[in-house]
């Protein structure tokens, strides 16, 4: 349900499965390892490729700043 519609709210999920909002939030955060970001649920952990890409982008940004300082 959440993976198909990442904009679904905790309240909607809790109503659909007939549990409290607190229990639903705990399941998402503690059991499934997800957190709410900008009105959608995303996994807390990045895979290796995502981490590598973030490092590459950050390094490129730092290099651009360094070259801008030279001029």
Foldseek 3Di string as FASTA:
>chain_A
DCVVPFLDDLVVVCVVVVHDSVVSQCCLCPVVQWDDDPRGIDHPDDDPVVVVVVVVVVVVVVVVVVVVVVD
